[in-house]
Amino acid sequence: MGKKTVVFNESGLGKLPNNKPTVYKIKTDGGNTNYVGVAKRGRVQERLQEHLPGSKDYIPGSKVEIEQMANISEARQKESNIISQTKPKYNKQGK
């Protein structure tokens, strides 16, 4: 499926597709992954906006990388695999 990386701000998020379930990684300037999450089809941009500064689930980062998946269960499986391999700082460990 499609992959895309944009700047982690309002205008960058507006460039992301919303038509498929997505696994996203919020990354630092140095390329480290701070957080991994899943967004349902139709809610990708909205979910990522919840992580911007001043929002309820703020996660620091400079870029967001997404990968579109065929369905939400595939996205959740991939998210789980990435979290167990990379142990991002802002994900609750043991998920």
C-alpha atoms as a PDB file:
ATOM      1  CA  MET A   1       0.000   0.000   0.000  1.00  0.00           C
ATOM      2  CA  GLY A   2       0.966   3.659  -0.147  1.00  0.00           C
ATOM      3  CA  LYS A   3       3.552   5.318   2.082  1.00  0.00           C
ATOM      4  CA  LYS A   4       4.041   9.040   2.605  1.00  0.00           C
ATOM      5  CA  THR A   5       6.070  11.326   4.886  1.00  0.00           C
ATOM      6  CA  VAL A   6       5.077  14.943   5.629  1.00  0.00           C
ATOM      7  CA  VAL A   7       5.991  17.704   8.078  1.00  0.00           C
ATOM      8  CA  PHE A   8       4.134  17.225  11.361  1.00  0.00           C
ATOM      9  CA  ASN A   9       1.946  20.349  11.338  1.00  0.00           C
ATOM     10  CA  GLU A  10      -1.540  21.385  10.158  1.00  0.00           C
ATOM     11  CA  SER A  11      -0.537  22.002   6.541  1.00  0.00           C
ATOM     12  CA  GLY A  12       1.480  18.783   6.331  1.00  0.00           C
ATOM     13  CA  LEU A  13      -1.383  16.713   7.739  1.00  0.00           C
ATOM     14  CA  GLY A  14      -3.738  18.242   5.174  1.00  0.00           C
ATOM     15  CA  LYS A  15      -1.707  16.557   2.418  1.00  0.00           C
ATOM     16  CA  LEU A  16      -2.305  13.043   3.780  1.00  0.00           C
ATOM     17  CA  PRO A  17      -4.819  10.671   2.187  1.00  0.00           C
ATOM     18  CA  ASN A  18      -7.839   9.743   4.276  1.00  0.00           C
ATOM     19  CA  ASN A  19      -9.267   6.904   2.187  1.00  0.00           C
ATOM     20  CA  LYS A  20      -7.757   3.808   3.894  1.00  0.00           C
ATOM     21  CA  PRO A  21      -6.837   2.634   7.392  1.00  0.00           C
ATOM     22  CA  THR A  22      -3.363   3.892   8.230  1.00  0.00           C
ATOM     23  CA  VAL A  23      -0.432   3.098  10.491  1.00  0.00           C
ATOM     24  CA  TYR A  24       1.442   6.268  11.390  1.00  0.00           C
ATOM     25  CA  LYS A  25       4.777   7.046  13.016  1.00  0.00           C
ATOM     26  CA  ILE A  26       5.550  10.410  14.591  1.00  0.00           C
ATOM     27  CA  LYS A  27       9.291  10.962  14.184  1.00  0.00           C
ATOM     28  CA  THR A  28      11.948  13.307  15.559  1.00  0.00           C
ATOM     29  CA  ASP A  29      14.331  15.462  13.507  1.00  0.00           C
ATOM     30  CA  GLY A  30      16.909  12.698  13.913  1.00  0.00           C
ATOM     31  CA  GLY A  31      14.552  10.065  12.491  1.00  0.00           C
ATOM     32  CA  ASN A  32      13.745   8.297  15.770  1.00  0.00           C
ATOM     33  CA  THR A  33      10.151   7.120  16.201  1.00  0.00           C
ATOM     34  CA  ASN A  34       8.402   8.830  19.130  1.00  0.00           C
ATOM     35  CA  TYR A  35       4.974   7.223  18.663  1.00  0.00           C
ATOM     36  CA  VAL A  36       3.191   4.641  16.503  1.00  0.00           C
ATOM     37  CA  GLY A  37      -0.576   4.635  16.048  1.00  0.00           C
ATOM     38  CA  VAL A  38      -3.469   3.564  13.862  1.00  0.00           C
ATOM     39  CA  ALA A  39      -6.159   5.696  12.256  1.00  0.00           C
ATOM     40  CA  LYS A  40      -9.365   4.392  10.696  1.00  0.00           C
ATOM     41  CA  ARG A  41     -10.385   5.220   7.147  1.00  0.00           C
ATOM     42  CA  GLY A  42     -11.818   8.736   6.994  1.00  0.00           C
ATOM     43  CA  ARG A  43     -10.144   9.790  10.265  1.00  0.00           C
ATOM     44  CA  VAL A  44      -6.428   9.886   9.428  1.00  0.00           C
ATOM     45  CA  GLN A  45      -5.956  13.664   9.415  1.00  0.00           C
ATOM     46  CA  GLU A  46      -8.290  14.166  12.393  1.00  0.00           C
ATOM     47  CA  ARG A  47      -6.467  11.529  14.486  1.00  0.00           C
ATOM     48  CA  LEU A  48      -3.051  13.027  13.751  1.00  0.00           C
ATOM     49  CA  GLN A  49      -4.285  16.530  14.654  1.00  0.00           C
ATOM     50  CA  GLU A  50      -5.003  15.141  18.144  1.00  0.00           C
ATOM     51  CA  HIS A  51      -1.198  14.817  18.561  1.00  0.00           C
ATOM     52  CA  LEU A  52      -0.289  18.401  17.583  1.00  0.00           C
ATOM     53  CA  PRO A  53       0.927  20.874  20.267  1.00  0.00           C
ATOM     54  CA  GLY A  54      -1.944  22.080  22.455  1.00  0.00           C
ATOM     55  CA  SER A  55      -4.051  18.998  21.737  1.00  0.00           C
ATOM     56  CA  LYS A  56      -5.213  16.350  24.209  1.00  0.00           C
ATOM     57  CA  ASP A  57      -2.772  13.633  23.034  1.00  0.00           C
ATOM     58  CA  TYR A  58       0.250  15.821  22.240  1.00  0.00           C
ATOM     59  CA  ILE A  59       3.312  13.924  20.965  1.00  0.00           C
ATOM     60  CA  PRO A  60       6.464  15.893  20.052  1.00  0.00           C
ATOM     61  CA  GLY A  61       7.804  15.310  16.558  1.00  0.00           C
ATOM     62  CA  SER A  62       8.878  16.969  13.335  1.00  0.00           C
ATOM     63  CA  LYS A  63       7.642  14.482  10.707  1.00  0.00           C
ATOM     64  CA  VAL A  64       4.876  11.945  10.360  1.00  0.00           C
ATOM     65  CA  GLU A  65       5.226   8.870   8.176  1.00  0.00           C
ATOM     66  CA  ILE A  66       2.100   6.943   7.175  1.00  0.00           C
ATOM     67  CA  GLU A  67       1.485   3.612   5.535  1.00  0.00           C
ATOM     68  CA  GLN A  68      -1.951   2.777   4.184  1.00  0.00           C
ATOM     69  CA  MET A  69      -3.287  -0.713   4.879  1.00  0.00           C
ATOM     70  CA  ALA A  70      -6.055  -2.804   3.304  1.00  0.00           C
ATOM     71  CA  ASN A  71      -8.115  -3.014   6.511  1.00  0.00           C
ATOM     72  CA  ILE A  72      -8.074  -1.952  10.151  1.00  0.00           C
ATOM     73  CA  SER A  73      -7.102  -5.369  11.534  1.00  0.00           C
ATOM     74  CA  GLU A  74      -4.046  -5.447   9.253  1.00  0.00           C
ATOM     75  CA  ALA A  75      -3.179  -1.920  10.446  1.00  0.00           C
ATOM     76  CA  ARG A  76      -3.457  -2.912  14.125  1.00  0.00           C
ATOM     77  CA  GLN A  77      -1.255  -5.963  13.567  1.00  0.00           C
ATOM     78  CA  LYS A  78       1.413  -3.862  11.857  1.00  0.00           C
ATOM     79  CA  GLU A  79       1.224  -1.243  14.643  1.00  0.00           C
ATOM     80  CA  SER A  80       1.752  -3.960  17.256  1.00  0.00           C
ATOM     81  CA  ASN A  81       4.756  -5.362  15.376  1.00  0.00           C
ATOM     82  CA  ILE A  82       6.381  -1.937  15.014  1.00  0.00           C
ATOM     83  CA  ILE A  83       5.833  -1.089  18.699  1.00  0.00           C
ATOM     84  CA  SER A  84       7.351  -4.369  19.878  1.00  0.00           C
ATOM     85  CA  GLN A  85      10.403  -3.894  17.620  1.00  0.00           C
ATOM     86  CA  THR A  86      11.076  -0.176  18.149  1.00  0.00           C
ATOM     87  CA  LYS A  87       9.566   0.530  21.619  1.00  0.00           C
ATOM     88  CA  PRO A  88       8.702   4.201  20.888  1.00  0.00           C
ATOM     89  CA  LYS A  89       9.133   6.585  23.813  1.00  0.00           C
ATOM     90  CA  TYR A  90       5.493   7.756  23.950  1.00  0.00           C
ATOM     91  CA  ASN A  91       3.691   4.436  23.400  1.00  0.00           C
ATOM     92  CA  LYS A  92       2.563   2.697  26.557  1.00  0.00           C
ATOM     93  CA  GLN A  93       4.900  -0.269  26.870  1.00  0.00           C
ATOM     94  CA  GLY A  94       3.393  -3.715  27.122  1.00  0.00           C
ATOM     95  CA  LYS A  95       0.647  -2.966  24.619  1.00  0.00           C
END
